[in-house]
Amino acid sequence: MSPEKAAKNTIGIIGTSFGLLALAIALIHFWAGPFDIHPSLEEVVADKAVDIKERVLSKLKGDTSVKLAPARKYSKDDIVDIGTVVCGFLAIMLSVISFIKREDKRAAGSAVILGVGAIGFQLFTVVLGTIVVVVLVIAVLGSLGLS
């Protein structure tokens, strides 16, 4: 690529770089993570099942008190997830700017595909994990006779 074309496609190339970074972070976090210590799946399912059972029993007794959620603390995994989304969004944003400035469509297209792919991969893994936890909670509640 000549220096003139590279200078013309600067925004698209930067967007593609952010897209690659976002995808790399998402894949590394998926394969090497989690980076913080989390409770086991059995503990999470058991805690959720107990919470649901206690809430159902308190509602049946007529208790209207509301439990407030504790203040949110960001873990290393949360920061990595946020970084992935930020890099993916920057890739998409720079792709749009590149397209508007009539830069090479391959650079703009690559940036948007990588950004959307990284965010989509991350959302897919979260949804898949949520489905697994929900199925296990339903199974535990069914075994407790609360189906």
Protein backbone atom coordinates (compact mmCIF):
# COMPACT_ATOMS: atom_id res chain seq x y z
CA MET A 1 0.00 0.00 0.00
CA SER A 2 1.37 3.37 -0.94
CA PRO A 3 1.91 6.02 1.75
CA GLU A 4 -0.85 8.16 0.20
CA LYS A 5 -3.41 5.35 0.47
CA ALA A 6 -2.30 4.51 4.01
CA ALA A 7 -2.69 8.14 5.03
CA LYS A 8 -6.13 8.20 3.41
CA ASN A 9 -7.26 5.08 5.33
CA THR A 10 -5.88 6.08 8.73
CA ILE A 11 -9.21 6.08 10.57
CA GLY A 12 -10.24 2.71 9.11
CA ILE A 13 -6.89 1.17 10.02
CA ILE A 14 -7.11 2.51 13.58
CA GLY A 15 -10.67 1.16 13.79
CA THR A 16 -9.52 -2.22 12.56
CA SER A 17 -6.77 -2.20 15.19
CA PHE A 18 -9.32 -1.51 17.93
CA GLY A 19 -11.51 -4.31 16.54
CA LEU A 20 -8.61 -6.74 16.59
CA LEU A 21 -7.76 -5.68 20.13
CA ALA A 22 -11.37 -6.16 21.25
CA LEU A 23 -11.56 -9.60 19.67
CA ALA A 24 -8.20 -10.59 21.17
CA ILE A 25 -9.29 -9.47 24.65
CA ALA A 26 -12.60 -11.36 24.34
CA LEU A 27 -10.92 -14.57 23.21
CA ILE A 28 -8.12 -14.39 25.76
CA HIS A 29 -10.62 -13.75 28.55
CA PHE A 30 -12.75 -16.67 27.36
CA TRP A 31 -9.86 -19.14 27.19
CA ALA A 32 -7.57 -17.89 29.98
CA GLY A 33 -10.13 -16.39 32.36
CA PRO A 34 -11.74 -15.84 34.72
CA PHE A 35 -9.04 -13.83 36.42
CA ASP A 36 -10.80 -13.45 39.77
CA ILE A 37 -11.86 -16.20 42.14
CA HIS A 38 -15.56 -16.93 41.74
CA PRO A 39 -17.80 -19.30 43.66
CA SER A 40 -18.35 -22.67 42.03
CA LEU A 41 -21.36 -23.25 39.80
CA GLU A 42 -22.91 -25.49 42.45
CA GLU A 43 -22.65 -22.73 45.06
CA VAL A 44 -24.20 -20.16 42.73
CA VAL A 45 -27.08 -22.47 41.83
CA ALA A 46 -27.66 -23.44 45.47
CA ASP A 47 -27.62 -19.80 46.61
CA LYS A 48 -30.07 -18.77 43.87
CA ALA A 49 -32.38 -21.68 44.67
CA VAL A 50 -32.37 -20.81 48.39
CA ASP A 51 -33.01 -17.12 47.63
CA ILE A 52 -35.92 -17.98 45.35
CA LYS A 53 -37.40 -20.36 47.92
CA GLU A 54 -37.09 -17.75 50.69
CA ARG A 55 -38.70 -15.05 48.53
CA VAL A 56 -41.58 -17.31 47.56
CA LEU A 57 -42.21 -18.26 51.19
CA SER A 58 -42.02 -14.64 52.36
CA LYS A 59 -44.46 -13.56 49.64
CA LEU A 60 -46.85 -16.35 50.62
CA LYS A 61 -46.69 -15.13 54.23
CA GLY A 62 -47.51 -11.60 53.06
CA ASP A 63 -44.13 -10.01 53.76
CA THR A 64 -43.69 -6.89 51.63
CA SER A 65 -40.18 -5.88 52.69
CA VAL A 66 -37.70 -5.30 49.88
CA LYS A 67 -34.05 -6.33 49.98
CA LEU A 68 -31.70 -3.82 48.41
CA ALA A 69 -28.83 -5.10 46.34
CA PRO A 70 -25.35 -4.37 47.70
CA ALA A 71 -23.23 -1.68 46.05
CA ARG A 72 -21.53 -2.92 42.89
CA LYS A 73 -17.81 -3.66 43.03
CA TYR A 74 -15.92 -4.12 39.79
CA SER A 75 -13.70 -7.19 39.59
CA LYS A 76 -10.84 -7.81 37.17
CA ASP A 77 -13.21 -9.77 34.95
CA ASP A 78 -15.69 -6.89 34.88
CA ILE A 79 -12.94 -4.48 33.86
CA VAL A 80 -11.82 -6.84 31.08
CA ASP A 81 -15.42 -7.15 29.86
CA ILE A 82 -15.87 -3.38 29.88
CA GLY A 83 -12.56 -2.95 28.03
CA THR A 84 -13.73 -5.39 25.36
CA VAL A 85 -16.96 -3.50 24.83
CA VAL A 86 -15.17 -0.13 24.74
CA CYS A 87 -12.64 -1.34 22.15
CA GLY A 88 -15.40 -2.95 20.08
CA PHE A 89 -17.48 0.23 20.20
CA LEU A 90 -14.46 2.35 19.21
CA ALA A 91 -13.91 0.02 16.25
CA ILE A 92 -17.53 0.43 15.14
CA MET A 93 -17.45 4.21 15.67
CA LEU A 94 -14.21 4.63 13.73
CA SER A 95 -15.60 2.40 11.00
CA VAL A 96 -18.60 4.68 10.59
CA ILE A 97 -16.35 7.76 10.49
CA SER A 98 -14.10 6.01 7.96
CA PHE A 99 -17.10 5.17 5.79
CA ILE A 100 -18.40 8.74 5.96
CA LYS A 101 -14.98 10.11 4.98
CA ARG A 102 -15.06 7.76 1.95
CA GLU A 103 -12.02 5.79 3.01
CA ASP A 104 -11.43 2.28 1.68
CA LYS A 105 -14.51 0.15 2.37
CA ARG A 106 -12.38 -2.85 3.26
CA ALA A 107 -10.82 -1.01 6.20
CA ALA A 108 -14.19 0.28 7.38
CA GLY A 109 -15.84 -3.12 6.90
CA SER A 110 -13.08 -4.96 8.72
CA ALA A 111 -13.34 -2.60 11.67
CA VAL A 112 -17.10 -2.99 12.00
CA ILE A 113 -16.99 -6.78 11.60
CA LEU A 114 -14.27 -7.16 14.22
CA GLY A 115 -16.00 -4.78 16.66
CA VAL A 116 -19.41 -6.40 16.29
CA GLY A 117 -17.83 -9.86 16.39
CA ALA A 118 -16.00 -9.15 19.66
CA ILE A 119 -19.09 -7.69 21.35
CA GLY A 120 -21.29 -10.46 19.95
CA PHE A 121 -18.91 -13.19 21.14
CA GLN A 122 -18.86 -11.69 24.61
CA LEU A 123 -22.68 -11.44 24.72
CA PHE A 124 -23.01 -15.00 23.42
CA THR A 125 -20.86 -16.39 26.22
CA VAL A 126 -22.79 -14.42 28.86
CA VAL A 127 -26.16 -15.58 27.50
CA LEU A 128 -24.97 -19.18 27.27
CA GLY A 129 -23.75 -19.07 30.88
CA THR A 130 -27.02 -17.53 32.03
CA ILE A 131 -29.04 -20.23 30.29
CA VAL A 132 -26.98 -22.95 31.98
CA VAL A 133 -27.48 -21.37 35.43
CA VAL A 134 -31.24 -20.93 34.86
CA VAL A 135 -31.64 -24.55 33.77
CA LEU A 136 -29.71 -25.76 36.81
CA VAL A 137 -31.72 -23.53 39.19
CA ILE A 138 -34.98 -24.87 37.71
CA ALA A 139 -33.68 -28.43 38.15
CA VAL A 140 -32.76 -27.78 41.79
CA LEU A 141 -36.09 -26.11 42.51
CA GLY A 142 -37.86 -29.05 40.86
CA SER A 143 -35.99 -31.48 43.08
CA LEU A 144 -37.03 -29.42 46.13
CA GLY A 145 -40.67 -29.71 45.08
CA LEU A 146 -41.08 -26.04 44.04
CA SER A 147 -41.62 -26.62 40.32
